[in-house]
């Protein structure tokens, strides 16, 4: 049964609430920013010992705390050179095969790769591939990294709502990942195309990339494409590519016959950046 909070998100002013959250996250008011930081550390059990800056009072804003860097070496990468890496800390929402272009969301719910990516043409290479959906909770490290070395080809900013992407919403809101505002990042690799989708959510005040800075907001009113070919934006395996300014979800899509997902991955599995996502076939 849908919880009352999730039901209310159908009528809440998503963008206005997220704009307010952004103002709070970027506030330099010492009392306000520290209350927010302390509340999240306490409520979600954030392990600041892993952070490059472990002192919670040293962050100038709540957003600086939320997008904090990790200490070097705390997320070792899978040593197998054929391993694609987990792009973020978090929890597997779902993972598995893309069946005739359809992606499993939760029991009784699915959406199409075309809906997620914004076009049938963009989805075609992934029609019978594999996917992994990783949910980042407020306690997690909020930077997203590359599963494999790749060159950026195109980004697609797809407009949408800003529903929560927590477990209840994923179980209750039809096609939630294909309805929310998102930035689709298309990469070319030595095995073919790869996509990472940065999915926005309620109170997510921004998505930033390492190559162009803030992408969301502004929120989109129409699908917006940016062609990055010829710009030589090449990112190494494990390199940071983007970050969220609040908890959300990243979805990885791979073509058919390229790689096999790590067998230990399943819904609700806790994961960490750098562990094995998949192994090249």
C-alpha atoms as a PDB file:
ATOM      1  CA  UNK A   1       0.000   0.000   0.000  1.00  0.00           C
ATOM      2  CA  UNK A   2       1.289   3.480  -0.848  1.00  0.00           C
ATOM      3  CA  UNK A   3       2.327   5.468   2.216  1.00  0.00           C
ATOM      4  CA  UNK A   4       0.731   8.845   2.873  1.00  0.00           C
ATOM      5  CA  UNK A   5       4.005  10.737   2.278  1.00  0.00           C
ATOM      6  CA  UNK A   6       4.424   9.114  -1.138  1.00  0.00           C
ATOM      7  CA  UNK A   7       0.781   9.787  -1.982  1.00  0.00           C
ATOM      8  CA  UNK A   8       1.233  13.460  -1.121  1.00  0.00           C
ATOM      9  CA  UNK A   9       4.089  13.796  -3.612  1.00  0.00           C
ATOM     10  CA  UNK A  10       1.543  13.532  -6.437  1.00  0.00           C
ATOM     11  CA  UNK A  11       0.186  16.948  -5.455  1.00  0.00           C
ATOM     12  CA  UNK A  12       3.202  18.685  -3.891  1.00  0.00           C
ATOM     13  CA  UNK A  13       4.948  21.461  -5.889  1.00  0.00           C
ATOM     14  CA  UNK A  14       8.062  19.398  -6.676  1.00  0.00           C
ATOM     15  CA  UNK A  15      10.206  22.095  -8.245  1.00  0.00           C
ATOM     16  CA  UNK A  16       9.327  24.761  -5.681  1.00  0.00           C
ATOM     17  CA  UNK A  17      10.235  22.429  -2.814  1.00  0.00           C
ATOM     18  CA  UNK A  18      13.493  21.464  -4.517  1.00  0.00           C
ATOM     19  CA  UNK A  19      14.329  25.136  -5.108  1.00  0.00           C
ATOM     20  CA  UNK A  20      13.781  25.770  -1.394  1.00  0.00           C
ATOM     21  CA  UNK A  21      15.983  22.795  -0.533  1.00  0.00           C
ATOM     22  CA  UNK A  22      18.692  24.225  -2.775  1.00  0.00           C
ATOM     23  CA  UNK A  23      18.589  27.578  -0.956  1.00  0.00           C
ATOM     24  CA  UNK A  24      18.930  25.822   2.389  1.00  0.00           C
ATOM     25  CA  UNK A  25      21.723  23.557   1.115  1.00  0.00           C
ATOM     26  CA  UNK A  26      23.781  26.509  -0.129  1.00  0.00           C
ATOM     27  CA  UNK A  27      23.133  28.764   2.865  1.00  0.00           C
ATOM     28  CA  UNK A  28      26.269  29.997   4.641  1.00  0.00           C
ATOM     29  CA  UNK A  29      24.375  30.783   7.826  1.00  0.00           C
ATOM     30  CA  UNK A  30      26.583  29.002  10.404  1.00  0.00           C
ATOM     31  CA  UNK A  31      23.739  27.976  12.685  1.00  0.00           C
ATOM     32  CA  UNK A  32      21.509  26.699   9.875  1.00  0.00           C
ATOM     33  CA  UNK A  33      24.138  24.773   7.957  1.00  0.00           C
ATOM     34  CA  UNK A  34      25.412  23.106  11.142  1.00  0.00           C
ATOM     35  CA  UNK A  35      21.926  22.108  12.266  1.00  0.00           C
ATOM     36  CA  UNK A  36      21.353  20.469   8.875  1.00  0.00           C
ATOM     37  CA  UNK A  37      24.707  18.678   8.901  1.00  0.00           C
ATOM     38  CA  UNK A  38      24.346  17.453  12.469  1.00  0.00           C
ATOM     39  CA  UNK A  39      20.783  16.247  11.812  1.00  0.00           C
ATOM     40  CA  UNK A  40      21.835  14.159   8.799  1.00  0.00           C
ATOM     41  CA  UNK A  41      24.923  12.742  10.543  1.00  0.00           C
ATOM     42  CA  UNK A  42      22.790  11.695  13.518  1.00  0.00           C
ATOM     43  CA  UNK A  43      19.684  10.520  11.637  1.00  0.00           C
ATOM     44  CA  UNK A  44      21.497   8.479   8.983  1.00  0.00           C
ATOM     45  CA  UNK A  45      24.701   7.447  10.755  1.00  0.00           C
ATOM     46  CA  UNK A  46      27.106   9.126   8.325  1.00  0.00           C
ATOM     47  CA  UNK A  47      30.664   7.788   8.706  1.00  0.00           C
ATOM     48  CA  UNK A  48      32.764  10.940   8.521  1.00  0.00           C
ATOM     49  CA  UNK A  49      35.930   8.953   9.249  1.00  0.00           C
ATOM     50  CA  UNK A  50      35.878   8.043   5.536  1.00  0.00           C
ATOM     51  CA  UNK A  51      35.709  11.677   4.445  1.00  0.00           C
ATOM     52  CA  UNK A  52      38.661  13.699   3.268  1.00  0.00           C
ATOM     53  CA  UNK A  53      37.446  16.307   5.778  1.00  0.00           C
ATOM     54  CA  UNK A  54      36.194  14.416   8.875  1.00  0.00           C
ATOM     55  CA  UNK A  55      35.311  17.554  10.879  1.00  0.00           C
ATOM     56  CA  UNK A  56      31.566  18.251  10.395  1.00  0.00           C
ATOM     57  CA  UNK A  57      32.034  21.892  11.445  1.00  0.00           C
ATOM     58  CA  UNK A  58      34.602  22.578   8.695  1.00  0.00           C
ATOM     59  CA  UNK A  59      32.116  22.554   5.813  1.00  0.00           C
ATOM     60  CA  UNK A  60      31.002  26.035   4.715  1.00  0.00           C
ATOM     61  CA  UNK A  61      27.556  24.837   3.577  1.00  0.00           C
ATOM     62  CA  UNK A  62      25.338  21.799   3.892  1.00  0.00           C
ATOM     63  CA  UNK A  63      25.884  21.137   0.190  1.00  0.00           C
ATOM     64  CA  UNK A  64      29.669  21.081   0.691  1.00  0.00           C
ATOM     65  CA  UNK A  65      29.151  18.444   3.379  1.00  0.00           C
ATOM     66  CA  UNK A  66      26.732  16.461   1.261  1.00  0.00           C
ATOM     67  CA  UNK A  67      29.062  16.327  -1.755  1.00  0.00           C
ATOM     68  CA  UNK A  68      32.136  15.683   0.398  1.00  0.00           C
ATOM     69  CA  UNK A  69      35.142  13.876  -1.037  1.00  0.00           C
ATOM     70  CA  UNK A  70      36.403  10.582   0.344  1.00  0.00           C
ATOM     71  CA  UNK A  71      39.869   9.966   1.734  1.00  0.00           C
ATOM     72  CA  UNK A  72      42.194   8.444  -0.880  1.00  0.00           C
ATOM     73  CA  UNK A  73      42.200   4.661  -0.734  1.00  0.00           C
ATOM     74  CA  UNK A  74      38.963   4.091   1.213  1.00  0.00           C
ATOM     75  CA  UNK A  75      37.228   2.705  -1.908  1.00  0.00           C
ATOM     76  CA  UNK A  76      39.670   0.266  -3.553  1.00  0.00           C
ATOM     77  CA  UNK A  77      38.741  -0.740  -7.097  1.00  0.00           C
ATOM     78  CA  UNK A  78      38.187  -4.346  -8.139  1.00  0.00           C
ATOM     79  CA  UNK A  79      41.645  -5.509  -9.282  1.00  0.00           C
ATOM     80  CA  UNK A  80      40.413  -7.588 -12.235  1.00  0.00           C
ATOM     81  CA  UNK A  81      41.113  -5.494 -15.365  1.00  0.00           C
ATOM     82  CA  UNK A  82      37.939  -6.912 -16.981  1.00  0.00           C
ATOM     83  CA  UNK A  83      35.709  -5.722 -14.134  1.00  0.00           C
ATOM     84  CA  UNK A  84      33.320  -2.824 -14.641  1.00  0.00           C
ATOM     85  CA  UNK A  85      33.107  -0.891 -11.390  1.00  0.00           C
ATOM     86  CA  UNK A  86      30.131   0.024  -9.232  1.00  0.00           C
ATOM     87  CA  UNK A  87      29.622   3.756  -9.941  1.00  0.00           C
ATOM     88  CA  UNK A  88      28.502   4.830  -6.470  1.00  0.00           C
ATOM     89  CA  UNK A  89      27.921   3.930  -2.854  1.00  0.00           C
ATOM     90  CA  UNK A  90      24.363   2.924  -2.100  1.00  0.00           C
ATOM     91  CA  UNK A  91      22.033  -0.007  -2.521  1.00  0.00           C
ATOM     92  CA  UNK A  92      20.910  -1.952  -5.554  1.00  0.00           C
ATOM     93  CA  UNK A  93      17.298  -1.050  -6.256  1.00  0.00           C
ATOM     94  CA  UNK A  94      17.102  -3.579  -9.103  1.00  0.00           C
ATOM     95  CA  UNK A  95      19.477  -5.076 -11.662  1.00  0.00           C
ATOM     96  CA  UNK A  96      19.294  -7.663 -14.403  1.00  0.00           C
ATOM     97  CA  UNK A  97      18.459  -8.099 -18.079  1.00  0.00           C
ATOM     98  CA  UNK A  98      16.685  -5.509 -20.189  1.00  0.00           C
ATOM     99  CA  UNK A  99      13.956  -7.677 -21.695  1.00  0.00           C
ATOM    100  CA  UNK A 100      12.901  -6.487 -25.140  1.00  0.00           C
ATOM    101  CA  UNK A 101      13.618  -2.922 -24.128  1.00  0.00           C
ATOM    102  CA  UNK A 102      11.854  -3.094 -20.757  1.00  0.00           C
ATOM    103  CA  UNK A 103      13.512  -2.422 -17.395  1.00  0.00           C
ATOM    104  CA  UNK A 104      12.218  -3.898 -14.138  1.00  0.00           C
ATOM    105  CA  UNK A 105      11.443  -1.315 -11.429  1.00  0.00           C
ATOM    106  CA  UNK A 106       9.732  -3.270  -8.652  1.00  0.00           C
ATOM    107  CA  UNK A 107       7.158  -6.022  -8.263  1.00  0.00           C
ATOM    108  CA  UNK A 108       4.493  -5.458 -10.902  1.00  0.00           C
ATOM    109  CA  UNK A 109       6.192  -2.319 -12.285  1.00  0.00           C
ATOM    110  CA  UNK A 110       8.515  -1.656 -15.200  1.00  0.00           C
ATOM    111  CA  UNK A 111       9.354   1.050 -17.723  1.00  0.00           C
ATOM    112  CA  UNK A 112      11.011   1.108 -21.094  1.00  0.00           C
ATOM    113  CA  UNK A 113      14.571   2.090 -21.905  1.00  0.00           C
ATOM    114  CA  UNK A 114      13.119   4.483 -24.496  1.00  0.00           C
ATOM    115  CA  UNK A 115      11.055   6.239 -21.799  1.00  0.00           C
ATOM    116  CA  UNK A 116      14.124   6.494 -19.570  1.00  0.00           C
ATOM    117  CA  UNK A 117      16.527   7.755 -22.244  1.00  0.00           C
ATOM    118  CA  UNK A 118      14.081   9.994 -24.053  1.00  0.00           C
ATOM    119  CA  UNK A 119      13.931   8.283 -27.476  1.00  0.00           C
ATOM    120  CA  UNK A 120      13.552   4.922 -29.189  1.00  0.00           C
ATOM    121  CA  UNK A 121      16.748   5.471 -31.187  1.00  0.00           C
ATOM    122  CA  UNK A 122      18.834   6.052 -28.049  1.00  0.00           C
ATOM    123  CA  UNK A 123      17.381   2.918 -26.445  1.00  0.00           C
ATOM    124  CA  UNK A 124      17.902   0.553 -29.391  1.00  0.00           C
ATOM    125  CA  UNK A 125      21.531  -0.438 -28.545  1.00  0.00           C
ATOM    126  CA  UNK A 126      20.379  -1.528 -25.078  1.00  0.00           C
ATOM    127  CA  UNK A 127      17.228  -3.429 -26.116  1.00  0.00           C
ATOM    128  CA  UNK A 128      18.386  -6.790 -24.729  1.00  0.00           C
ATOM    129  CA  UNK A 129      21.299  -5.619 -22.612  1.00  0.00           C
ATOM    130  CA  UNK A 130      21.641  -5.357 -18.844  1.00  0.00           C
ATOM    131  CA  UNK A 131      20.982  -2.637 -16.285  1.00  0.00           C
ATOM    132  CA  UNK A 132      21.743  -1.769 -12.688  1.00  0.00           C
ATOM    133  CA  UNK A 133      19.824   0.797 -10.643  1.00  0.00           C
ATOM    134  CA  UNK A 134      21.738   2.135  -7.630  1.00  0.00           C
ATOM    135  CA  UNK A 135      19.920   4.163  -4.958  1.00  0.00           C
ATOM    136  CA  UNK A 136      21.997   6.666  -2.972  1.00  0.00           C
ATOM    137  CA  UNK A 137      20.552   7.375   0.468  1.00  0.00           C
ATOM    138  CA  UNK A 138      21.290  10.578   2.420  1.00  0.00           C
ATOM    139  CA  UNK A 139      24.079   8.788   4.335  1.00  0.00           C
ATOM    140  CA  UNK A 140      26.032   7.834   1.226  1.00  0.00           C
ATOM    141  CA  UNK A 141      28.929   9.387  -0.647  1.00  0.00           C
ATOM    142  CA  UNK A 142      27.235  11.433  -3.378  1.00  0.00           C
ATOM    143  CA  UNK A 143      29.732  11.474  -6.197  1.00  0.00           C
ATOM    144  CA  UNK A 144      29.225   9.154  -9.157  1.00  0.00           C
ATOM    145  CA  UNK A 145      32.170   7.547 -10.949  1.00  0.00           C
ATOM    146  CA  UNK A 146      32.846   5.714 -14.211  1.00  0.00           C
ATOM    147  CA  UNK A 147      32.333   1.943 -14.394  1.00  0.00           C
ATOM    148  CA  UNK A 148      34.742   1.819 -17.357  1.00  0.00           C
ATOM    149  CA  UNK A 149      36.979   4.176 -19.287  1.00  0.00           C
ATOM    150  CA  UNK A 150      34.949   6.051 -21.910  1.00  0.00           C
ATOM    151  CA  UNK A 151      34.587   9.164 -24.043  1.00  0.00           C
ATOM    152  CA  UNK A 152      31.527  11.362 -23.608  1.00  0.00           C
ATOM    153  CA  UNK A 153      29.388  11.517 -26.757  1.00  0.00           C
ATOM    154  CA  UNK A 154      26.161  13.269 -25.728  1.00  0.00           C
ATOM    155  CA  UNK A 155      24.066  14.345 -22.772  1.00  0.00           C
ATOM    156  CA  UNK A 156      20.281  14.490 -22.814  1.00  0.00           C
ATOM    157  CA  UNK A 157      18.422  16.515 -20.186  1.00  0.00           C
ATOM    158  CA  UNK A 158      14.936  15.005 -19.950  1.00  0.00           C
ATOM    159  CA  UNK A 159      12.276  17.078 -18.144  1.00  0.00           C
ATOM    160  CA  UNK A 160      10.010  15.494 -15.574  1.00  0.00           C
ATOM    161  CA  UNK A 161       8.643  15.434 -12.060  1.00  0.00           C
ATOM    162  CA  UNK A 162      10.688  15.085  -8.879  1.00  0.00           C
ATOM    163  CA  UNK A 163       9.095  12.183  -7.041  1.00  0.00           C
ATOM    164  CA  UNK A 164      10.973  10.597  -4.169  1.00  0.00           C
ATOM    165  CA  UNK A 165      13.044   7.601  -5.270  1.00  0.00           C
ATOM    166  CA  UNK A 166      13.051   5.934  -1.870  1.00  0.00           C
ATOM    167  CA  UNK A 167      11.893   2.313  -1.544  1.00  0.00           C
ATOM    168  CA  UNK A 168       8.210   3.122  -0.987  1.00  0.00           C
ATOM    169  CA  UNK A 169       8.038   5.399  -4.023  1.00  0.00           C
ATOM    170  CA  UNK A 170       9.853   2.859  -6.207  1.00  0.00           C
ATOM    171  CA  UNK A 171       7.343   0.208  -5.142  1.00  0.00           C
ATOM    172  CA  UNK A 172       4.339   2.527  -5.528  1.00  0.00           C
ATOM    173  CA  UNK A 173       4.878   5.148  -8.254  1.00  0.00           C
ATOM    174  CA  UNK A 174       4.571   3.729 -11.792  1.00  0.00           C
ATOM    175  CA  UNK A 175       7.613   4.385 -14.045  1.00  0.00           C
ATOM    176  CA  UNK A 176       9.132   6.674 -11.409  1.00  0.00           C
ATOM    177  CA  UNK A 177      12.639   6.749 -12.927  1.00  0.00           C
ATOM    178  CA  UNK A 178      11.228   7.480 -16.377  1.00  0.00           C
ATOM    179  CA  UNK A 179       9.020  10.261 -14.980  1.00  0.00           C
ATOM    180  CA  UNK A 180      11.580  12.156 -12.923  1.00  0.00           C
ATOM    181  CA  UNK A 181      13.875  14.903 -14.210  1.00  0.00           C
ATOM    182  CA  UNK A 182      17.146  13.309 -15.290  1.00  0.00           C
ATOM    183  CA  UNK A 183      20.433  13.741 -17.120  1.00  0.00           C
ATOM    184  CA  UNK A 184      21.261  10.926 -19.540  1.00  0.00           C
ATOM    185  CA  UNK A 185      24.998  10.611 -20.240  1.00  0.00           C
ATOM    186  CA  UNK A 186      25.972   8.656 -23.369  1.00  0.00           C
ATOM    187  CA  UNK A 187      29.514   7.301 -23.537  1.00  0.00           C
ATOM    188  CA  UNK A 188      31.542   5.446 -26.164  1.00  0.00           C
ATOM    189  CA  UNK A 189      33.818   2.696 -24.860  1.00  0.00           C
ATOM    190  CA  UNK A 190      36.054   0.038 -26.377  1.00  0.00           C
ATOM    191  CA  UNK A 191      33.144  -2.435 -26.054  1.00  0.00           C
ATOM    192  CA  UNK A 192      30.483  -0.100 -27.497  1.00  0.00           C
ATOM    193  CA  UNK A 193      27.971   2.354 -26.013  1.00  0.00           C
ATOM    194  CA  UNK A 194      27.356   2.782 -22.287  1.00  0.00           C
ATOM    195  CA  UNK A 195      24.834   5.012 -20.526  1.00  0.00           C
ATOM    196  CA  UNK A 196      24.733   6.437 -17.025  1.00  0.00           C
ATOM    197  CA  UNK A 197      21.501   8.180 -16.045  1.00  0.00           C
ATOM    198  CA  UNK A 198      21.517  10.671 -13.170  1.00  0.00           C
ATOM    199  CA  UNK A 199      17.914  10.614 -11.899  1.00  0.00           C
ATOM    200  CA  UNK A 200      16.670  13.602  -9.924  1.00  0.00           C
ATOM    201  CA  UNK A 201      14.301  13.272  -6.983  1.00  0.00           C
ATOM    202  CA  UNK A 202      12.218  15.274  -4.539  1.00  0.00           C
ATOM    203  CA  UNK A 203      14.422  17.819  -2.727  1.00  0.00           C
ATOM    204  CA  UNK A 204      17.380  17.030  -4.990  1.00  0.00           C
ATOM    205  CA  UNK A 205      18.690  20.521  -5.552  1.00  0.00           C
ATOM    206  CA  UNK A 206      21.109  19.779  -8.356  1.00  0.00           C
ATOM    207  CA  UNK A 207      23.085  17.490 -10.639  1.00  0.00           C
ATOM    208  CA  UNK A 208      26.612  18.514 -11.602  1.00  0.00           C
ATOM    209  CA  UNK A 209      29.038  16.950 -14.067  1.00  0.00           C
ATOM    210  CA  UNK A 210      32.819  17.180 -14.043  1.00  0.00           C
ATOM    211  CA  UNK A 211      32.909  18.453 -17.626  1.00  0.00           C
ATOM    212  CA  UNK A 212      30.337  21.269 -17.525  1.00  0.00           C
ATOM    213  CA  UNK A 213      29.365  21.969 -13.922  1.00  0.00           C
ATOM    214  CA  UNK A 214      25.727  22.431 -12.883  1.00  0.00           C
ATOM    215  CA  UNK A 215      23.251  20.750 -15.255  1.00  0.00           C
ATOM    216  CA  UNK A 216      20.131  20.610 -13.046  1.00  0.00           C
ATOM    217  CA  UNK A 217      18.753  23.130 -12.219  1.00  0.00           C
ATOM    218  CA  UNK A 218      17.680  24.861 -14.356  1.00  0.00           C
ATOM    219  CA  UNK A 219      14.829  22.415 -14.779  1.00  0.00           C
ATOM    220  CA  UNK A 220      13.971  21.542 -18.361  1.00  0.00           C
ATOM    221  CA  UNK A 221      10.704  22.177 -20.184  1.00  0.00           C
ATOM    222  CA  UNK A 222      11.732  20.129 -23.232  1.00  0.00           C
ATOM    223  CA  UNK A 223      14.297  17.444 -24.024  1.00  0.00           C
ATOM    224  CA  UNK A 224      17.666  19.190 -24.402  1.00  0.00           C
ATOM    225  CA  UNK A 225      20.594  17.526 -26.159  1.00  0.00           C
ATOM    226  CA  UNK A 226      24.246  18.543 -25.995  1.00  0.00           C
ATOM    227  CA  UNK A 227      26.698  17.036 -28.487  1.00  0.00           C
ATOM    228  CA  UNK A 228      30.110  16.528 -26.866  1.00  0.00           C
ATOM    229  CA  UNK A 229      31.788  14.702 -29.754  1.00  0.00           C
ATOM    230  CA  UNK A 230      35.121  16.158 -30.747  1.00  0.00           C
ATOM    231  CA  UNK A 231      35.656  17.746 -27.314  1.00  0.00           C
ATOM    232  CA  UNK A 232      37.998  14.953 -26.132  1.00  0.00           C
ATOM    233  CA  UNK A 233      36.148  14.461 -22.844  1.00  0.00           C
ATOM    234  CA  UNK A 234      37.566  11.086 -21.867  1.00  0.00           C
ATOM    235  CA  UNK A 235      37.178   9.716 -18.359  1.00  0.00           C
ATOM    236  CA  UNK A 236      39.147   6.824 -16.908  1.00  0.00           C
ATOM    237  CA  UNK A 237      37.728   3.754 -15.206  1.00  0.00           C
ATOM    238  CA  UNK A 238      36.810   4.828 -11.673  1.00  0.00           C
ATOM    239  CA  UNK A 239      37.127   8.569 -12.346  1.00  0.00           C
ATOM    240  CA  UNK A 240      34.483  10.924 -10.940  1.00  0.00           C
ATOM    241  CA  UNK A 241      31.905  11.996 -13.547  1.00  0.00           C
ATOM    242  CA  UNK A 242      29.097  13.707 -11.628  1.00  0.00           C
ATOM    243  CA  UNK A 243      27.525  14.360  -8.260  1.00  0.00           C
ATOM    244  CA  UNK A 244      24.123  14.745  -6.650  1.00  0.00           C
ATOM    245  CA  UNK A 245      23.283  17.468  -4.160  1.00  0.00           C
ATOM    246  CA  UNK A 246      20.939  15.133  -2.315  1.00  0.00           C
ATOM    247  CA  UNK A 247      20.132  11.403  -2.310  1.00  0.00           C
ATOM    248  CA  UNK A 248      18.978   9.989  -5.613  1.00  0.00           C
ATOM    249  CA  UNK A 249      19.635   7.229  -8.154  1.00  0.00           C
ATOM    250  CA  UNK A 250      22.066   6.388 -10.943  1.00  0.00           C
ATOM    251  CA  UNK A 251      21.153   3.806 -13.610  1.00  0.00           C
ATOM    252  CA  UNK A 252      23.774   2.045 -15.748  1.00  0.00           C
ATOM    253  CA  UNK A 253      22.821   0.490 -19.104  1.00  0.00           C
ATOM    254  CA  UNK A 254      25.076  -1.876 -21.077  1.00  0.00           C
ATOM    255  CA  UNK A 255      24.460  -3.483 -24.493  1.00  0.00           C
ATOM    256  CA  UNK A 256      23.704  -7.157 -25.061  1.00  0.00           C
ATOM    257  CA  UNK A 257      26.598  -9.601 -24.914  1.00  0.00           C
ATOM    258  CA  UNK A 258      29.108  -7.182 -23.446  1.00  0.00           C
ATOM    259  CA  UNK A 259      29.265  -8.066 -19.762  1.00  0.00           C
ATOM    260  CA  UNK A 260      27.719 -10.263 -17.084  1.00  0.00           C
ATOM    261  CA  UNK A 261      26.507  -8.629 -13.876  1.00  0.00           C
ATOM    262  CA  UNK A 262      28.262  -9.766 -10.689  1.00  0.00           C
ATOM    263  CA  UNK A 263      26.239 -12.745  -9.404  1.00  0.00           C
ATOM    264  CA  UNK A 264      26.107 -11.457  -5.826  1.00  0.00           C
ATOM    265  CA  UNK A 265      24.128  -8.369  -6.845  1.00  0.00           C
ATOM    266  CA  UNK A 266      20.391  -8.392  -6.152  1.00  0.00           C
ATOM    267  CA  UNK A 267      17.646  -6.030  -5.008  1.00  0.00           C
ATOM    268  CA  UNK A 268      18.456  -4.391  -1.650  1.00  0.00           C
ATOM    269  CA  UNK A 269      22.145  -5.405  -1.779  1.00  0.00           C
ATOM    270  CA  UNK A 270      24.339  -2.704  -0.178  1.00  0.00           C
ATOM    271  CA  UNK A 271      27.120  -1.684  -2.571  1.00  0.00           C
ATOM    272  CA  UNK A 272      30.205   0.491  -2.558  1.00  0.00           C
ATOM    273  CA  UNK A 273      31.982   2.485  -5.184  1.00  0.00           C
ATOM    274  CA  UNK A 274      34.677   0.441  -6.893  1.00  0.00           C
ATOM    275  CA  UNK A 275      33.381  -3.051  -6.199  1.00  0.00           C
ATOM    276  CA  UNK A 276      32.547  -5.272  -9.169  1.00  0.00           C
ATOM    277  CA  UNK A 277      29.430  -4.280 -11.100  1.00  0.00           C
ATOM    278  CA  UNK A 278      29.973  -6.646 -14.012  1.00  0.00           C
ATOM    279  CA  UNK A 279      32.667  -8.627 -15.804  1.00  0.00           C
ATOM    280  CA  UNK A 280      33.353  -8.257 -19.505  1.00  0.00           C
ATOM    281  CA  UNK A 281      32.347 -11.373 -21.463  1.00  0.00           C
END
